[in-house]
Protein backbone atom coordinates (compact mmCIF):
# COMPACT_ATOMS: atom_id res chain seq x y z
CA UNK A 1 144.88 97.47 -14.74
CA UNK A 2 148.67 97.56 -14.49
CA UNK A 3 148.49 101.10 -13.06
CA UNK A 4 146.02 99.94 -10.39
CA UNK A 5 148.34 97.08 -9.44
CA UNK A 6 151.33 99.39 -9.01
CA UNK A 7 149.35 101.88 -6.90
CA UNK A 8 148.15 99.13 -4.58
CA UNK A 9 151.63 97.65 -4.38
CA UNK A 10 153.14 101.05 -3.54
CA UNK A 11 150.54 101.77 -0.86
CA UNK A 12 151.04 98.39 0.79
CA UNK A 13 154.81 98.80 0.65
CA UNK A 14 154.81 102.26 2.18
CA UNK A 15 152.28 101.33 4.87
CA UNK A 16 154.36 98.33 5.86
CA UNK A 17 157.38 100.55 6.41
CA UNK A 18 155.54 103.36 8.22
CA UNK A 19 154.65 103.88 11.84
CA UNK A 20 150.96 103.10 11.37
CA UNK A 21 149.22 101.31 14.21
CA UNK A 22 149.39 97.54 13.94
CA UNK A 23 146.28 95.38 14.14
CA UNK A 24 147.29 94.41 17.71
CA UNK A 25 147.62 98.07 18.82
CA UNK A 26 144.42 99.31 17.23
CA UNK A 27 141.17 99.25 19.19
CA UNK A 28 138.06 100.02 17.13
CA UNK A 29 136.17 103.04 18.55
CA UNK A 30 132.83 102.34 20.19
CA UNK A 31 129.67 104.23 19.18
CA UNK A 32 128.89 107.24 21.35
CA UNK A 33 125.59 108.69 22.55
CA UNK A 34 126.33 112.11 21.00
CA UNK A 35 124.24 113.58 18.20
CA UNK A 36 125.51 114.57 14.75
CA UNK A 37 126.15 118.23 15.57
CA UNK A 38 128.07 117.37 18.74
CA UNK A 39 130.18 114.84 16.86
CA UNK A 40 130.86 117.30 14.03
CA UNK A 41 131.97 119.92 16.55
CA UNK A 42 134.22 117.37 18.20
CA UNK A 43 135.89 115.91 15.12
CA UNK A 44 135.70 118.76 12.58
CA UNK A 45 136.30 121.48 15.16
CA UNK A 46 139.46 119.79 16.41
CA UNK A 47 141.31 120.68 13.20
CA UNK A 48 139.66 123.92 12.11
CA UNK A 49 136.68 126.16 12.81
CA UNK A 50 133.48 124.13 12.97
CA UNK A 51 131.83 124.48 9.51
CA UNK A 52 128.12 125.28 9.56
CA UNK A 53 126.10 123.15 7.09
CA UNK A 54 124.65 126.33 5.57
CA UNK A 55 128.02 127.19 4.02
CA UNK A 56 127.56 124.67 1.18
CA UNK A 57 124.70 123.00 -0.63
CA UNK A 58 123.61 119.41 0.05
CA UNK A 59 125.14 117.95 -3.11
CA UNK A 60 128.57 119.46 -2.43
CA UNK A 61 128.58 118.14 1.12
CA UNK A 62 127.40 114.69 0.06
CA UNK A 63 129.49 114.09 -3.05
CA UNK A 64 132.67 116.05 -2.37
CA UNK A 65 133.37 117.30 1.15
CA UNK A 66 132.12 114.47 3.35
CA UNK A 67 133.81 111.59 1.46
CA UNK A 68 137.17 113.39 1.63
CA UNK A 69 136.59 114.34 5.24
CA UNK A 70 135.91 110.67 5.97
CA UNK A 71 139.28 109.71 4.52
CA UNK A 72 140.97 112.01 7.03
CA UNK A 73 139.20 110.15 9.81
CA UNK A 74 140.07 106.72 8.44
CA UNK A 75 136.52 106.14 7.18
CA UNK A 76 135.74 104.39 3.88
CA UNK A 77 139.34 104.66 2.75
CA UNK A 78 139.77 104.45 -1.01
CA UNK A 79 143.52 104.30 -1.50
CA UNK A 80 143.10 104.13 -5.26
CA UNK A 81 141.54 107.59 -5.26
CA UNK A 82 143.65 109.03 -2.43
CA UNK A 83 146.99 108.14 -3.97
CA UNK A 84 146.11 108.23 -7.66
CA UNK A 85 148.61 110.50 -9.38
CA UNK A 86 150.89 110.50 -6.33
CA UNK A 87 154.33 108.94 -6.65
CA UNK A 88 156.08 106.92 -3.96
CA UNK A 89 158.03 109.92 -2.63
CA UNK A 90 154.92 111.94 -1.91
CA UNK A 91 153.02 108.87 -0.74
CA UNK A 92 155.65 108.33 1.95
CA UNK A 93 155.20 111.91 3.13
CA UNK A 94 151.43 111.60 3.39
CA UNK A 95 151.47 108.21 5.10
CA UNK A 96 154.37 109.14 7.38
CA UNK A 97 152.43 112.18 8.59
CA UNK A 98 149.23 110.14 9.01
CA UNK A 99 147.22 112.49 6.78
CA UNK A 100 144.85 109.66 5.89
CA UNK A 101 144.81 107.20 8.83
CA UNK A 102 144.70 103.52 7.97
CA UNK A 103 142.22 102.81 10.77
CA UNK A 104 138.89 104.51 11.59
CA UNK A 105 139.17 107.24 14.23
CA UNK A 106 135.48 107.00 15.17
CA UNK A 107 132.75 104.41 14.97
CA UNK A 108 130.96 104.00 11.64
CA UNK A 109 127.67 104.76 13.41
CA UNK A 110 129.04 108.10 14.65
CA UNK A 111 130.35 108.96 11.21
CA UNK A 112 126.91 108.34 9.75
CA UNK A 113 125.44 110.76 12.31
CA UNK A 114 127.84 113.45 11.07
CA UNK A 115 126.92 112.77 7.44
CA UNK A 116 123.20 112.91 8.24
CA UNK A 117 123.63 116.15 10.18
CA UNK A 118 125.20 117.94 7.21
CA UNK A 119 122.87 116.50 4.57
CA UNK A 120 119.76 117.24 6.64
CA UNK A 121 120.73 120.83 7.48
CA UNK A 122 122.45 122.05 4.30
CA UNK A 123 120.48 124.14 1.77
CA UNK A 124 119.46 122.52 -1.51
CA UNK A 125 121.14 125.29 -3.48
CA UNK A 126 124.02 127.65 -2.61
CA UNK A 127 123.02 130.81 -0.76
CA UNK A 128 122.53 133.71 -3.16
CA UNK A 129 124.95 136.63 -3.16
CA UNK A 130 123.59 139.60 -1.21
CA UNK A 131 122.22 142.62 -3.04
CA UNK A 132 125.12 145.02 -3.51
CA UNK A 133 126.08 148.29 -5.12
CA UNK A 134 126.05 147.91 -8.89
CA UNK A 135 129.39 147.85 -10.68
CA UNK A 136 129.82 150.65 -13.22
CA UNK A 137 132.08 150.54 -16.27
CA UNK A 138 133.81 153.78 -15.44
CA UNK A 139 137.56 154.20 -14.95
CA UNK A 140 138.26 157.44 -16.81
CA UNK A 141 141.47 158.11 -14.88
CA UNK A 142 143.10 154.98 -16.31
CA UNK A 143 144.40 154.11 -19.78
CA UNK A 144 144.29 150.41 -20.69
CA UNK A 145 147.42 148.94 -22.31
CA UNK A 146 147.89 145.28 -23.29
CA UNK A 147 150.91 143.02 -23.00
CA UNK A 148 150.83 139.92 -25.22
CA UNK A 149 152.73 136.73 -24.54
CA UNK A 150 153.67 133.59 -26.43
CA UNK A 151 152.00 133.18 -29.82
CA UNK A 152 149.40 130.42 -30.15
CA UNK A 153 149.44 129.71 -26.40
CA UNK A 154 146.99 130.76 -23.69
CA UNK A 155 148.19 133.30 -21.12
CA UNK A 156 149.74 131.54 -18.12
CA UNK A 157 151.10 134.41 -16.04
CA UNK A 158 152.16 133.66 -12.46
CA UNK A 159 153.79 137.00 -11.60
CA UNK A 160 153.56 140.67 -12.53
CA UNK A 161 155.79 143.31 -10.96
CA UNK A 162 156.54 147.00 -11.45
CA UNK A 163 160.27 147.66 -11.14
CA UNK A 164 159.89 151.36 -10.36
CA UNK A 165 163.63 151.84 -9.83
CA UNK A 166 164.55 150.79 -13.35
CA UNK A 167 161.22 151.81 -14.92
CA UNK A 168 160.58 148.26 -16.11
CA UNK A 169 157.73 145.76 -15.96
CA UNK A 170 158.42 142.12 -15.10
CA UNK A 171 156.09 139.31 -16.17
CA UNK A 172 156.59 135.63 -15.30
CA UNK A 173 155.07 132.74 -17.28
CA UNK A 174 154.43 129.10 -16.54
CA UNK A 175 154.50 126.59 -19.39
CA UNK A 176 156.58 123.90 -21.01
CA UNK A 177 159.24 126.56 -20.65
CA UNK A 178 159.01 128.84 -17.62
CA UNK A 179 160.45 132.30 -18.08
CA UNK A 180 160.59 135.89 -16.81
CA UNK A 181 160.34 138.70 -19.33
CA UNK A 182 161.21 142.39 -19.03
CA UNK A 183 159.29 145.22 -20.70
CA UNK A 184 160.02 148.92 -20.99
CA UNK A 185 157.42 151.63 -20.42
CA UNK A 186 156.36 151.37 -24.07
CA UNK A 187 155.57 147.71 -23.32
CA UNK A 188 158.24 146.42 -25.69
CA UNK A 189 160.04 143.28 -24.54
CA UNK A 190 163.68 144.00 -23.72
CA UNK A 191 164.94 140.77 -22.16
CA UNK A 192 163.91 137.24 -21.22
CA UNK A 193 165.23 134.81 -18.61
CA UNK A 194 164.50 131.05 -18.56
CA UNK A 195 163.44 129.65 -15.18
CA UNK A 196 163.57 126.19 -13.63
CA UNK A 197 159.95 126.37 -12.45
CA UNK A 198 157.06 128.84 -12.23
CA UNK A 199 157.90 132.06 -10.39
CA UNK A 200 155.70 133.20 -7.49
CA UNK A 201 157.52 136.26 -6.11
CA UNK A 202 160.48 138.52 -6.74
CA UNK A 203 162.61 140.98 -4.80
CA UNK A 204 164.54 143.65 -6.67
CA UNK A 205 167.88 144.56 -5.10
CA UNK A 206 170.48 147.16 -6.14
CA UNK A 207 172.79 144.77 -7.96
CA UNK A 208 170.60 141.70 -8.30
CA UNK A 209 167.13 140.23 -8.10
CA UNK A 210 165.96 137.31 -5.99
CA UNK A 211 163.37 134.98 -7.51
CA UNK A 212 161.09 132.69 -5.54
CA UNK A 213 160.15 129.67 -7.65
CA UNK A 214 157.45 127.18 -6.71
CA UNK A 215 159.03 124.00 -8.02
CA UNK A 216 155.58 122.55 -8.64
CA UNK A 217 152.65 124.92 -9.06
CA UNK A 218 149.91 122.28 -8.93
CA UNK A 219 149.04 120.82 -5.49
CA UNK A 220 152.02 118.89 -4.18
CA UNK A 221 154.04 118.29 -1.03
CA UNK A 222 157.32 117.74 -2.84
CA UNK A 223 160.01 120.15 -1.72
CA UNK A 224 161.12 121.38 -5.16
CA UNK A 225 160.92 125.15 -4.63
CA UNK A 226 163.92 127.48 -4.73
CA UNK A 227 165.08 130.99 -3.89
CA UNK A 228 167.51 132.02 -6.62
CA UNK A 229 169.70 135.11 -6.85
CA UNK A 230 170.27 136.54 -10.33
CA UNK A 231 173.21 138.93 -10.63
CA UNK A 232 173.49 141.77 -13.13
CA UNK A 233 175.42 139.49 -15.52
CA UNK A 234 172.59 136.89 -15.36
CA UNK A 235 174.57 134.42 -13.26
CA UNK A 236 172.26 132.33 -11.07
CA UNK A 237 172.99 131.29 -7.51
CA UNK A 238 170.62 129.09 -5.50
CA UNK A 239 170.21 130.64 -2.04
CA UNK A 240 167.64 128.14 -0.74
CA UNK A 241 166.22 124.91 -2.11
CA UNK A 242 163.92 122.08 -1.05
CA UNK A 243 161.13 124.56 -0.31
CA UNK A 244 157.52 123.29 -0.21
CA UNK A 245 155.67 125.15 -2.96
CA UNK A 246 156.73 128.63 -1.77
CA UNK A 247 154.33 131.41 -2.75
CA UNK A 248 155.54 134.63 -1.10
CA UNK A 249 158.68 136.18 0.34
CA UNK A 250 159.24 139.13 2.68
CA UNK A 251 162.37 140.83 3.97
CA UNK A 252 162.98 142.59 7.29
CA UNK A 253 164.90 142.56 10.56
CA UNK A 254 163.53 139.80 12.77
CA UNK A 255 166.33 139.30 15.30
CA UNK A 256 168.82 141.48 17.13
CA UNK A 257 171.48 141.73 14.42
CA UNK A 258 171.79 144.27 11.60
CA UNK A 259 171.45 141.82 8.71
CA UNK A 260 168.14 141.65 6.86
CA UNK A 261 166.28 138.37 7.34
CA UNK A 262 164.06 136.43 4.93
CA UNK A 263 160.51 135.21 5.57
CA UNK A 264 158.95 132.61 3.24
CA UNK A 265 155.43 131.22 3.00
CA UNK A 266 155.91 127.56 2.06
CA UNK A 267 152.29 126.90 1.12
CA UNK A 268 152.69 123.19 0.36
CA UNK A 269 149.52 121.15 0.08
CA UNK A 270 148.91 118.75 2.98
CA UNK A 271 152.25 119.74 4.52
CA UNK A 272 153.88 123.16 4.62
CA UNK A 273 155.33 125.81 6.90
CA UNK A 274 156.03 129.47 7.61
CA UNK A 275 159.77 129.88 8.08
CA UNK A 276 162.15 132.78 8.57
CA UNK A 277 165.80 132.53 7.62
CA UNK A 278 168.57 134.43 9.38
CA UNK A 279 170.24 136.90 7.06
CA UNK A 280 173.67 135.93 5.81
CA UNK A 281 173.82 132.18 6.35
CA UNK A 282 170.03 131.81 5.91
CA UNK A 283 169.63 129.54 8.94
CA UNK A 284 165.97 128.36 9.01
CA UNK A 285 163.60 128.94 11.94
CA UNK A 286 160.16 127.39 11.51
CA UNK A 287 157.43 129.60 12.96
CA UNK A 288 154.46 127.40 12.06
CA UNK A 289 154.26 123.87 10.70
CA UNK A 290 151.06 123.72 8.68
CA UNK A 291 150.11 124.02 5.02
CA UNK A 292 148.53 127.14 3.57
CA UNK A 293 150.77 130.06 4.56
CA UNK A 294 149.68 132.48 1.82
CA UNK A 295 151.13 135.89 2.63
CA UNK A 296 153.15 137.26 5.55
CA UNK A 297 153.68 140.94 6.34
CA UNK A 298 156.49 142.25 8.54
CA UNK A 299 155.30 145.15 10.71
CA UNK A 300 155.75 146.45 14.26
CA UNK A 301 152.17 146.11 15.51
CA UNK A 302 152.56 146.88 19.20
CA UNK A 303 155.03 149.77 19.08
CA UNK A 304 157.90 148.04 20.88
CA UNK A 305 160.29 148.73 17.98
CA UNK A 306 160.49 145.03 17.13
CA UNK A 307 159.14 143.71 13.84
CA UNK A 308 156.16 141.40 14.23
CA UNK A 309 154.69 139.13 11.56
CA UNK A 310 151.09 139.06 10.32
CA UNK A 311 150.29 135.98 8.25
CA UNK A 312 147.23 134.75 6.37
CA UNK A 313 146.77 130.99 6.57
CA UNK A 314 144.60 129.04 4.14
CA UNK A 315 144.19 125.28 3.60
CA UNK A 316 144.07 123.57 6.97
CA UNK A 317 143.12 126.24 9.52
CA UNK A 318 142.01 129.41 7.77
CA UNK A 319 142.71 132.56 9.71
CA UNK A 320 145.02 135.47 10.39
CA UNK A 321 147.82 135.03 12.89
CA UNK A 322 150.19 137.51 14.52
CA UNK A 323 153.64 136.45 15.64
CA UNK A 324 154.75 138.99 18.24
CA UNK A 325 158.50 139.49 18.34
CA UNK A 326 159.97 139.00 21.82
CA UNK A 327 163.48 139.82 20.64
CA UNK A 328 166.43 137.71 19.53
CA UNK A 329 164.29 135.92 16.97
CA UNK A 330 161.73 134.52 19.42
CA UNK A 331 158.01 134.93 18.70
CA UNK A 332 154.67 134.42 20.43
CA UNK A 333 151.82 133.28 18.17
CA UNK A 334 148.29 134.66 18.49
CA UNK A 335 145.34 134.02 16.20
CA UNK A 336 143.45 137.29 15.71
CA UNK A 337 140.84 136.14 13.15
CA UNK A 338 139.44 132.69 12.36
CA UNK A 339 137.48 131.69 9.26
CA UNK A 340 135.53 128.61 8.16
CA UNK A 341 137.56 125.94 6.37
CA UNK A 342 135.61 126.50 3.11
CA UNK A 343 136.09 130.29 3.13
CA UNK A 344 138.84 130.32 0.50
CA UNK A 345 141.11 132.85 2.23
CA UNK A 346 143.30 134.37 -0.47
CA UNK A 347 145.08 137.62 0.49
CA UNK A 348 145.68 140.34 3.09
CA UNK A 349 147.04 143.88 2.89
CA UNK A 350 147.87 146.02 5.91
CA UNK A 351 146.73 149.65 5.82
CA UNK A 352 145.32 152.34 8.13
CA UNK A 353 141.86 152.98 6.70
CA UNK A 354 140.54 155.28 9.44
CA UNK A 355 143.80 157.19 10.05
CA UNK A 356 143.92 156.43 13.76
CA UNK A 357 147.54 155.32 13.68
CA UNK A 358 146.77 151.61 13.96
CA UNK A 359 147.09 149.20 11.07
CA UNK A 360 143.87 147.61 9.77
CA UNK A 361 143.53 144.48 7.63
CA UNK A 362 142.19 144.34 4.08
CA UNK A 363 141.19 140.74 3.40
CA UNK A 364 139.92 138.75 0.43
CA UNK A 365 138.46 135.28 0.29
CA UNK A 366 137.54 133.56 -2.95
CA UNK A 367 139.88 130.65 -3.57
CA UNK A 368 137.64 128.11 -5.28
CA UNK A 369 140.20 125.55 -6.45
CA UNK A 370 139.16 123.03 -3.84
CA UNK A 371 136.57 120.37 -3.07
CA UNK A 372 133.67 122.82 -2.95
CA UNK A 373 133.95 124.73 -6.21
CA UNK A 374 130.78 126.81 -6.42
CA UNK A 375 129.63 130.41 -6.35
CA UNK A 376 129.83 131.39 -2.68
CA UNK A 377 127.87 134.31 -1.25
CA UNK A 378 130.51 134.91 1.44
CA UNK A 379 133.36 135.41 -1.04
CA UNK A 380 134.49 139.00 -1.27
CA UNK A 381 136.45 141.96 0.08
CA UNK A 382 136.51 142.78 3.80
CA UNK A 383 138.05 145.43 6.01
CA UNK A 384 138.83 144.50 9.60
CA UNK A 385 139.39 147.56 11.79
CA UNK A 386 141.97 147.61 14.57
CA UNK A 387 140.63 148.76 17.96
CA UNK A 388 144.07 150.04 18.94
CA UNK A 389 144.94 146.85 20.81
CA UNK A 390 145.32 144.63 17.74
CA UNK A 391 141.84 143.19 18.05
CA UNK A 392 140.16 143.24 14.65
CA UNK A 393 136.48 143.58 13.81
CA UNK A 394 134.82 143.55 10.38
CA UNK A 395 133.64 147.01 9.32
CA UNK A 396 133.09 146.53 5.58
CA UNK A 397 132.16 143.75 3.17
CA UNK A 398 131.67 143.86 -0.57
CA UNK A 399 130.58 140.53 -2.12
CA UNK A 400 132.84 139.41 -4.98
CA UNK A 401 132.77 135.86 -6.29
CA UNK A 402 136.27 134.36 -6.31
CA UNK A 403 138.05 137.38 -4.80
CA UNK A 404 141.77 136.62 -5.09
CA UNK A 405 143.65 139.75 -4.04
CA UNK A 406 143.04 143.34 -2.95
CA UNK A 407 145.45 146.21 -2.39
CA UNK A 408 144.79 149.45 -0.51
CA UNK A 409 146.13 152.51 -2.38
CA UNK A 410 145.08 156.15 -2.78
CA UNK A 411 144.61 156.05 -6.55
CA UNK A 412 142.75 159.36 -6.93
CA UNK A 413 145.03 161.27 -4.54
CA UNK A 414 142.19 162.59 -2.39
CA UNK A 415 143.80 161.52 0.88
CA UNK A 416 141.92 158.29 1.61
CA UNK A 417 142.52 154.69 0.65
CA UNK A 418 140.90 153.11 -2.39
CA UNK A 419 140.93 149.39 -3.19
CA UNK A 420 141.98 147.49 -6.33
CA UNK A 421 140.76 143.89 -6.37
CA UNK A 422 140.89 140.89 -8.69
CA UNK A 423 138.94 137.65 -8.94
CA UNK A 424 140.21 134.43 -10.48
CA UNK A 425 136.90 132.59 -10.06
CA UNK A 426 134.30 134.97 -11.44
CA UNK A 427 130.69 134.28 -12.30
CA UNK A 428 130.77 134.27 -16.14
CA UNK A 429 127.10 135.24 -16.26
CA UNK A 430 127.62 138.37 -14.18
CA UNK A 431 127.49 141.62 -16.16
CA UNK A 432 129.72 143.51 -16.19
CA UNK A 433 132.54 141.06 -15.61
CA UNK A 434 133.95 141.33 -12.08
CA UNK A 435 137.44 139.99 -12.74
CA UNK A 436 138.74 143.40 -11.67
CA UNK A 437 137.07 145.95 -9.41
CA UNK A 438 138.15 149.42 -8.34
CA UNK A 439 136.57 150.59 -5.10
CA UNK A 440 136.92 154.37 -4.78
CA UNK A 441 136.66 155.67 -1.24
CA UNK A 442 134.24 158.58 -1.12
CA UNK A 443 134.92 159.29 2.56
CA UNK A 444 134.34 157.41 5.83
CA UNK A 445 135.25 154.17 4.04
CA UNK A 446 132.21 154.14 1.79
CA UNK A 447 133.11 152.98 -1.71
CA UNK A 448 131.91 153.45 -5.28
CA UNK A 449 132.62 150.34 -7.36
CA UNK A 450 133.70 150.30 -11.00
CA UNK A 451 135.59 148.27 -13.58
CA UNK A 452 136.82 148.64 -17.17
CA UNK A 453 135.37 147.18 -20.34
CA UNK A 454 138.28 144.85 -21.13
CA UNK A 455 138.18 143.16 -17.71
CA UNK A 456 136.52 140.16 -19.38
CA UNK A 457 139.62 139.46 -21.51
CA UNK A 458 141.46 137.47 -18.87
CA UNK A 459 141.33 135.42 -15.71
CA UNK A 460 143.30 137.67 -13.42
CA UNK A 461 145.41 135.62 -11.03
CA UNK A 462 148.08 138.17 -10.11
CA UNK A 463 148.22 141.93 -9.65
CA UNK A 464 150.74 144.59 -8.67
CA UNK A 465 150.53 148.31 -7.98
CA UNK A 466 153.25 150.93 -8.36
CA UNK A 467 154.14 154.28 -9.88
CA UNK A 468 155.39 152.81 -13.15
CA UNK A 469 156.24 156.10 -14.85
CA UNK A 470 157.09 158.06 -11.69
CA UNK A 471 154.50 160.74 -12.41
CA UNK A 472 153.16 160.76 -8.85
CA UNK A 473 150.13 158.48 -9.15
CA UNK A 474 149.83 154.71 -8.79
CA UNK A 475 149.39 152.38 -11.76
CA UNK A 476 148.03 148.83 -11.81
CA UNK A 477 149.09 145.70 -13.68
CA UNK A 478 147.05 142.50 -13.98
CA UNK A 479 148.30 139.06 -15.06
CA UNK A 480 146.04 136.44 -16.66
CA UNK A 481 146.20 132.67 -16.22
CA UNK A 482 144.03 130.72 -18.65
CA UNK A 483 143.63 127.05 -19.35
CA UNK A 484 142.93 125.99 -22.91
CA UNK A 485 139.28 125.62 -23.75
CA UNK A 486 137.99 128.59 -21.75
CA UNK A 487 135.15 129.66 -24.03
CA UNK A 488 133.31 132.43 -22.27
CA UNK A 489 136.07 134.99 -22.70
CA UNK A 490 136.79 137.11 -25.73
CA UNK A 491 138.71 134.20 -27.29
CA UNK A 492 135.42 132.84 -28.58
CA UNK A 493 135.32 135.85 -30.91
CA UNK A 494 138.69 134.94 -32.34
CA UNK A 495 140.53 137.70 -30.51
CA UNK A 496 144.06 137.38 -29.22
CA UNK A 497 143.91 137.68 -25.46
CA UNK A 498 146.44 139.74 -23.50
CA UNK A 499 148.70 138.02 -21.01
CA UNK A 500 148.78 141.16 -18.89
CA UNK A 501 147.02 144.50 -18.80
CA UNK A 502 148.52 147.75 -17.53
CA UNK A 503 146.08 150.29 -16.14
CA UNK A 504 148.08 153.50 -16.40
CA UNK A 505 146.81 156.10 -13.96
CA UNK A 506 146.41 159.53 -15.54
CA UNK A 507 145.16 161.33 -12.44
CA UNK A 508 148.26 163.48 -12.74
CA UNK A 509 148.53 164.43 -16.40
């Protein structure tokens, strides 16, 4: 009861100090003559791609999506639920940015039309995954090697990285103590570094490494993230702070000088941004103010010898955007692909699949840690081909529940690109387990799909690819993130689960 009182008191206090409309300024909306679909297109489509009712089942729309959607339109506000678990600092951010308006933005009658439209037209059950090529347990070119973590604790890996220069493997853990651990090629731990917060990305320099740390890994809009430089003597220097849950970092020349610039995806939660920082003084330039920047790739797309930026956006407006470099650090934004808001966009990789000299996009969608957690038939791996003018069209789709990341690499050295993919939200009843899939290109971008027996021994959240042992072929490392109580994995048999698995490629023996 005391907790409820303090939440209500905090909400009232923050609202009274914010720029919310006063009772005198607010005019209640009048009912319209539009139907439910028209209203949904108007109100839902104003923020993101209009979501078709068929994308989710009736129960998910009714019990999860629509109530939360109503909050964003000032309908049926339940401040106890909205701000439960949110402290005053974050509450001020949400209220100050009018994420959940205090007053209804449409008439209650119109809102009911929207609700009825989705409930009446949604399927009773989720759409079934399409029939697809069967997954084989066959990866004879790879040797499986395990890396184990902290004793008596579930794996909570947030980063895996091959340091091919120093022939080391880096693994980052989240926990009561966050840390980064080094391993040699025999998978023996050689060093460990404590961290202030969970690590999301790393850049290995000649005399140092730069670590991107999230601050808070769980959904939050607090700016607690950092970019930290670690010198060879382990001295730490904070290069950037007050970042909003940063998840990925890229380096490249983005303006006219000769100093390398930094590009960071500040994913955030309700608030976030994509920002590049001028090399040297790290002066920030915000490219896009929106949550959900997941991964950004620096690449000259139009051949003008200026680096452009390709970014995958999740959360608010799912899609792929290109920022064309006009020179001197100025960019023009263009959306090249748009996805439904429930798609769960998770990763992109740029690669030329058809060898025409133009970069194509390898895309995964499968993020299920949201309001519509369910097995989704449209989750999976897609290739979008470039027509030579940076227009992209889907040419391939392989269904994969919970697809989290895919990388395009020629693993079998036959001259075409294969695909390594992971899923964090698998279907536990699917046999074999599809937490990891290897798609071997057999020519003309047709793929044979396989996995390895031990793929069921983790929930693979992170992956990296590199020539670990410098033998000429590309190896794979997977990192597992488990919450306690996960029973369907090998832990139920009393086995110790690996924190990471190395798939050592033996194509060249």
